[in-house]
């Protein structure tokens, strides 16, 4: 009885791991169908960071003249980061890591 129960449990785990493997492969295949995030010579994240840095420059220049712009820029940066995260995670292929 115990041996049969152990075999049943083993085959159940084997089936679950096969389903997990199939799910992982289908996720990878779906990811390959998405568009490319960055070109070979230019990294896509560079422009995302550049947008935020340019905005910080404008805040440093005009922040004293219009103090509310700091709050608006912070809200914009939070939204920008969430949109970029969604773009990388769901709508484009994830960028390939490269060394400097």
N, C-alpha and C. Protein backbone atom coordinates (compact mmCIF):
# COMPACT_ATOMS: atom_id res chain seq x y z
N UNK A 1 0.82 -1.20 0.00
CA UNK A 1 0.00 0.00 0.00
C UNK A 1 0.87 1.26 0.00
N UNK A 2 1.87 1.30 0.88
CA UNK A 2 2.71 2.49 0.96
C UNK A 2 3.53 2.69 -0.31
N UNK A 3 3.98 1.59 -0.89
CA UNK A 3 4.76 1.68 -2.12
C UNK A 3 3.90 2.21 -3.27
N UNK A 4 2.66 1.74 -3.37
CA UNK A 4 1.75 2.21 -4.42
C UNK A 4 1.43 3.69 -4.21
N UNK A 5 1.25 4.07 -2.96
CA UNK A 5 0.96 5.46 -2.65
C UNK A 5 2.14 6.36 -3.02
N UNK A 6 3.35 5.89 -2.74
CA UNK A 6 4.56 6.64 -3.07
C UNK A 6 4.70 6.81 -4.58
N UNK A 7 4.41 5.74 -5.34
CA UNK A 7 4.47 5.81 -6.80
C UNK A 7 3.43 6.80 -7.34
N UNK A 8 2.23 6.74 -6.77
CA UNK A 8 1.17 7.65 -7.21
C UNK A 8 1.57 9.10 -6.98
N UNK A 9 2.15 9.36 -5.82
CA UNK A 9 2.61 10.70 -5.50
C UNK A 9 3.73 11.14 -6.45
N UNK A 10 4.64 10.21 -6.77
CA UNK A 10 5.75 10.51 -7.68
C UNK A 10 5.22 10.86 -9.07
N UNK A 11 4.28 10.07 -9.58
CA UNK A 11 3.75 10.33 -10.91
C UNK A 11 2.94 11.63 -10.95
N UNK A 12 2.28 11.94 -9.84
CA UNK A 12 1.55 13.21 -9.77
C UNK A 12 2.52 14.38 -9.84
N UNK A 13 3.63 14.30 -9.10
CA UNK A 13 4.65 15.35 -9.16
C UNK A 13 5.27 15.44 -10.54
N UNK A 14 5.46 14.30 -11.18
CA UNK A 14 6.03 14.28 -12.53
C UNK A 14 5.10 14.97 -13.51
N UNK A 15 3.80 14.72 -13.41
CA UNK A 15 2.83 15.38 -14.29
C UNK A 15 2.80 16.89 -14.04
N UNK A 16 2.87 17.30 -12.77
CA UNK A 16 2.86 18.73 -12.45
C UNK A 16 4.10 19.41 -13.00
N UNK A 17 5.26 18.75 -12.90
CA UNK A 17 6.48 19.36 -13.43
C UNK A 17 6.42 19.45 -14.95
N UNK A 18 5.78 18.47 -15.60
CA UNK A 18 5.62 18.52 -17.05
C UNK A 18 4.71 19.68 -17.44
N UNK A 19 3.64 19.90 -16.68
CA UNK A 19 2.75 21.03 -16.95
C UNK A 19 3.48 22.36 -16.73
N UNK A 20 4.29 22.44 -15.68
CA UNK A 20 5.07 23.65 -15.42
C UNK A 20 6.05 23.90 -16.56
N UNK A 21 6.67 22.85 -17.05
CA UNK A 21 7.62 22.98 -18.16
C UNK A 21 6.91 23.47 -19.41
N UNK A 22 5.73 22.91 -19.70
CA UNK A 22 4.96 23.33 -20.86
C UNK A 22 4.53 24.79 -20.71
N UNK A 23 4.13 25.18 -19.51
CA UNK A 23 3.73 26.57 -19.26
C UNK A 23 4.92 27.51 -19.47
N UNK A 24 6.10 27.11 -19.01
CA UNK A 24 7.30 27.93 -19.18
C UNK A 24 7.66 28.07 -20.65
N UNK A 25 7.59 26.97 -21.40
CA UNK A 25 7.91 27.04 -22.82
C UNK A 25 6.92 27.92 -23.56
N UNK A 26 5.64 27.82 -23.25
CA UNK A 26 4.67 28.66 -23.94
C UNK A 26 4.91 30.13 -23.59
N UNK A 27 5.33 30.42 -22.36
CA UNK A 27 5.63 31.81 -21.97
C UNK A 27 6.84 32.33 -22.73
N UNK A 28 7.86 31.49 -22.90
CA UNK A 28 9.05 31.89 -23.65
C UNK A 28 8.70 32.11 -25.11
N UNK A 29 7.88 31.23 -25.67
CA UNK A 29 7.49 31.39 -27.07
C UNK A 29 6.68 32.66 -27.28
N UNK A 30 5.78 32.96 -26.35
CA UNK A 30 5.02 34.21 -26.44
C UNK A 30 5.94 35.42 -26.36
N UNK A 31 6.95 35.34 -25.52
CA UNK A 31 7.90 36.44 -25.36
C UNK A 31 8.69 36.66 -26.65
N UNK A 32 8.98 35.59 -27.38
CA UNK A 32 9.73 35.73 -28.63
C UNK A 32 8.90 36.40 -29.72
N UNK A 33 7.58 36.34 -29.62
CA UNK A 33 6.73 36.97 -30.62
C UNK A 33 6.59 38.48 -30.42
N UNK A 34 7.01 38.98 -29.27
CA UNK A 34 6.90 40.41 -28.99
C UNK A 34 7.96 41.20 -29.74
N UNK A 35 7.76 42.50 -29.86
CA UNK A 35 8.70 43.36 -30.55
C UNK A 35 9.98 43.55 -29.76
N UNK A 36 11.02 43.99 -30.45
CA UNK A 36 12.32 44.21 -29.83
C UNK A 36 12.29 45.52 -29.05
N UNK A 37 12.84 45.51 -27.84
CA UNK A 37 12.85 46.71 -27.00
C UNK A 37 13.93 47.69 -27.43
N UNK A 38 15.10 47.19 -27.80
CA UNK A 38 16.23 48.06 -28.12
C UNK A 38 16.90 47.59 -29.40
N UNK A 39 17.58 48.51 -30.05
CA UNK A 39 18.38 48.16 -31.21
C UNK A 39 19.75 47.70 -30.76
N UNK A 40 20.51 47.10 -31.68
CA UNK A 40 21.82 46.57 -31.30
C UNK A 40 22.79 47.67 -30.86
N UNK A 41 22.85 48.76 -31.61
CA UNK A 41 23.84 49.79 -31.29
C UNK A 41 23.37 50.76 -30.20
N UNK A 42 22.08 50.89 -30.01
CA UNK A 42 21.55 51.81 -28.99
C UNK A 42 20.69 51.02 -28.02
N UNK A 43 20.98 51.18 -26.75
CA UNK A 43 20.20 50.50 -25.73
C UNK A 43 18.93 51.28 -25.47
N UNK A 44 17.80 50.61 -25.37
CA UNK A 44 16.52 51.27 -25.16
C UNK A 44 16.38 51.92 -23.80
N UNK A 45 17.04 51.36 -22.79
CA UNK A 45 16.92 51.95 -21.46
C UNK A 45 17.64 53.29 -21.37
N UNK A 46 18.59 53.53 -22.25
CA UNK A 46 19.32 54.81 -22.26
C UNK A 46 18.34 55.97 -22.44
N UNK A 47 17.43 55.85 -23.37
CA UNK A 47 16.49 56.93 -23.64
C UNK A 47 15.47 57.08 -22.51
N UNK A 48 15.13 55.98 -21.85
CA UNK A 48 14.22 56.08 -20.71
C UNK A 48 14.86 56.87 -19.57
N UNK A 49 16.13 56.59 -19.30
CA UNK A 49 16.84 57.34 -18.25
C UNK A 49 17.08 58.78 -18.69
N UNK A 50 17.34 58.99 -19.96
CA UNK A 50 17.59 60.34 -20.47
C UNK A 50 16.38 61.25 -20.27
N UNK A 51 15.18 60.70 -20.49
CA UNK A 51 13.97 61.50 -20.28
C UNK A 51 13.89 62.01 -18.84
N UNK A 52 14.18 61.13 -17.90
CA UNK A 52 14.10 61.51 -16.49
C UNK A 52 15.19 62.52 -16.14
N UNK A 53 16.39 62.35 -16.67
CA UNK A 53 17.47 63.29 -16.38
C UNK A 53 17.21 64.67 -16.96
N UNK A 54 16.64 64.74 -18.14
CA UNK A 54 16.30 66.04 -18.73
C UNK A 54 15.25 66.74 -17.87
N UNK A 55 14.30 65.97 -17.39
CA UNK A 55 13.28 66.57 -16.53
C UNK A 55 13.89 67.09 -15.23
N UNK A 56 14.84 66.36 -14.66
CA UNK A 56 15.51 66.83 -13.44
C UNK A 56 16.27 68.12 -13.73
N UNK A 57 16.87 68.24 -14.91
CA UNK A 57 17.55 69.47 -15.29
C UNK A 57 16.60 70.65 -15.34
N UNK A 58 15.42 70.45 -15.92
CA UNK A 58 14.43 71.52 -15.96
C UNK A 58 13.95 71.90 -14.55
N UNK A 59 13.84 70.91 -13.68
CA UNK A 59 13.42 71.21 -12.31
C UNK A 59 14.48 72.06 -11.61
N UNK A 60 15.76 71.73 -11.84
CA UNK A 60 16.83 72.52 -11.23
C UNK A 60 16.84 73.95 -11.76
N UNK A 61 16.52 74.12 -13.04
CA UNK A 61 16.52 75.46 -13.62
C UNK A 61 15.31 76.30 -13.19
N UNK A 62 14.13 75.70 -13.22
CA UNK A 62 12.91 76.48 -13.02
C UNK A 62 12.17 76.15 -11.73
N UNK A 63 12.76 75.35 -10.86
CA UNK A 63 12.08 74.94 -9.63
C UNK A 63 11.79 76.08 -8.68
N UNK A 64 12.68 77.04 -8.60
CA UNK A 64 12.46 78.17 -7.69
C UNK A 64 11.40 79.13 -8.22
N UNK A 65 11.26 79.23 -9.53
CA UNK A 65 10.26 80.13 -10.10
C UNK A 65 8.85 79.55 -9.97
N UNK A 66 8.73 78.25 -10.02
CA UNK A 66 7.43 77.59 -9.94
C UNK A 66 7.56 76.34 -9.07
N UNK A 67 7.44 76.49 -7.74
CA UNK A 67 7.70 75.37 -6.82
C UNK A 67 6.76 74.17 -7.00
N UNK A 68 5.58 74.38 -7.54
CA UNK A 68 4.65 73.28 -7.75
C UNK A 68 5.16 72.29 -8.80
N UNK A 69 6.09 72.75 -9.65
CA UNK A 69 6.60 71.86 -10.70
C UNK A 69 7.36 70.67 -10.11
N UNK A 70 7.89 70.82 -8.91
CA UNK A 70 8.60 69.69 -8.28
C UNK A 70 7.63 68.56 -7.96
N UNK A 71 6.47 68.91 -7.45
CA UNK A 71 5.46 67.89 -7.13
C UNK A 71 4.93 67.26 -8.41
N UNK A 72 4.67 68.09 -9.41
CA UNK A 72 4.18 67.57 -10.68
C UNK A 72 5.21 66.67 -11.35
N UNK A 73 6.48 67.04 -11.26
CA UNK A 73 7.53 66.22 -11.85
C UNK A 73 7.66 64.89 -11.12
N UNK A 74 7.50 64.90 -9.80
CA UNK A 74 7.56 63.64 -9.05
C UNK A 74 6.43 62.71 -9.46
N UNK A 75 5.23 63.25 -9.59
CA UNK A 75 4.09 62.43 -10.02
C UNK A 75 4.33 61.90 -11.43
N UNK A 76 4.87 62.75 -12.30
CA UNK A 76 5.17 62.33 -13.66
C UNK A 76 6.22 61.22 -13.67
N UNK A 77 7.24 61.33 -12.82
CA UNK A 77 8.29 60.31 -12.78
C UNK A 77 7.75 58.97 -12.29
N UNK A 78 6.86 59.00 -11.31
CA UNK A 78 6.27 57.75 -10.83
C UNK A 78 5.47 57.08 -11.94
N UNK A 79 4.68 57.86 -12.65
CA UNK A 79 3.90 57.31 -13.77
C UNK A 79 4.83 56.82 -14.87
N UNK A 80 5.87 57.58 -15.18
CA UNK A 80 6.83 57.20 -16.23
C UNK A 80 7.51 55.87 -15.90
N UNK A 81 7.90 55.69 -14.66
CA UNK A 81 8.56 54.45 -14.26
C UNK A 81 7.60 53.27 -14.39
N UNK A 82 6.35 53.45 -14.01
CA UNK A 82 5.38 52.36 -14.12
C UNK A 82 5.08 52.01 -15.58
N UNK A 83 5.00 53.03 -16.44
CA UNK A 83 4.76 52.78 -17.86
C UNK A 83 5.96 52.06 -18.49
N UNK A 84 7.17 52.48 -18.14
CA UNK A 84 8.36 51.81 -18.67
C UNK A 84 8.45 50.37 -18.18
N UNK A 85 8.06 50.14 -16.94
CA UNK A 85 8.06 48.77 -16.40
C UNK A 85 7.08 47.90 -17.17
N UNK A 86 5.89 48.42 -17.42
CA UNK A 86 4.90 47.65 -18.17
C UNK A 86 5.37 47.41 -19.60
N UNK A 87 6.04 48.41 -20.19
CA UNK A 87 6.54 48.26 -21.55
C UNK A 87 7.57 47.14 -21.64
N UNK A 88 8.48 47.09 -20.67
CA UNK A 88 9.52 46.06 -20.68
C UNK A 88 8.93 44.70 -20.34
N UNK A 89 8.03 44.64 -19.39
CA UNK A 89 7.53 43.35 -18.90
C UNK A 89 6.51 42.71 -19.84
N UNK A 90 5.63 43.49 -20.47
CA UNK A 90 4.50 42.90 -21.16
C UNK A 90 4.44 43.16 -22.66
N UNK A 91 4.99 44.27 -23.15
CA UNK A 91 4.75 44.64 -24.53
C UNK A 91 5.95 44.46 -25.45
N UNK A 92 7.13 44.32 -24.90
CA UNK A 92 8.32 44.11 -25.73
C UNK A 92 9.14 42.97 -25.15
N UNK A 93 10.05 42.48 -25.98
CA UNK A 93 10.99 41.47 -25.49
C UNK A 93 11.90 42.11 -24.47
N UNK A 94 12.26 41.38 -23.47
CA UNK A 94 13.15 41.93 -22.46
C UNK A 94 14.53 42.16 -23.05
N UNK A 95 15.17 43.27 -22.68
CA UNK A 95 16.48 43.56 -23.26
C UNK A 95 17.53 42.54 -22.82
N UNK A 96 18.47 42.28 -23.72
CA UNK A 96 19.57 41.37 -23.42
C UNK A 96 20.61 42.12 -22.60
N UNK A 97 21.02 41.58 -21.45
CA UNK A 97 22.04 42.27 -20.66
C UNK A 97 23.38 42.29 -21.37
N UNK A 98 24.03 43.44 -21.36
CA UNK A 98 25.34 43.59 -22.00
C UNK A 98 26.28 44.29 -21.03
N UNK A 99 27.53 43.95 -21.11
CA UNK A 99 28.54 44.63 -20.30
C UNK A 99 28.85 46.00 -20.86
N UNK A 100 29.59 46.78 -20.10
CA UNK A 100 29.93 48.14 -20.52
C UNK A 100 30.94 48.15 -21.64
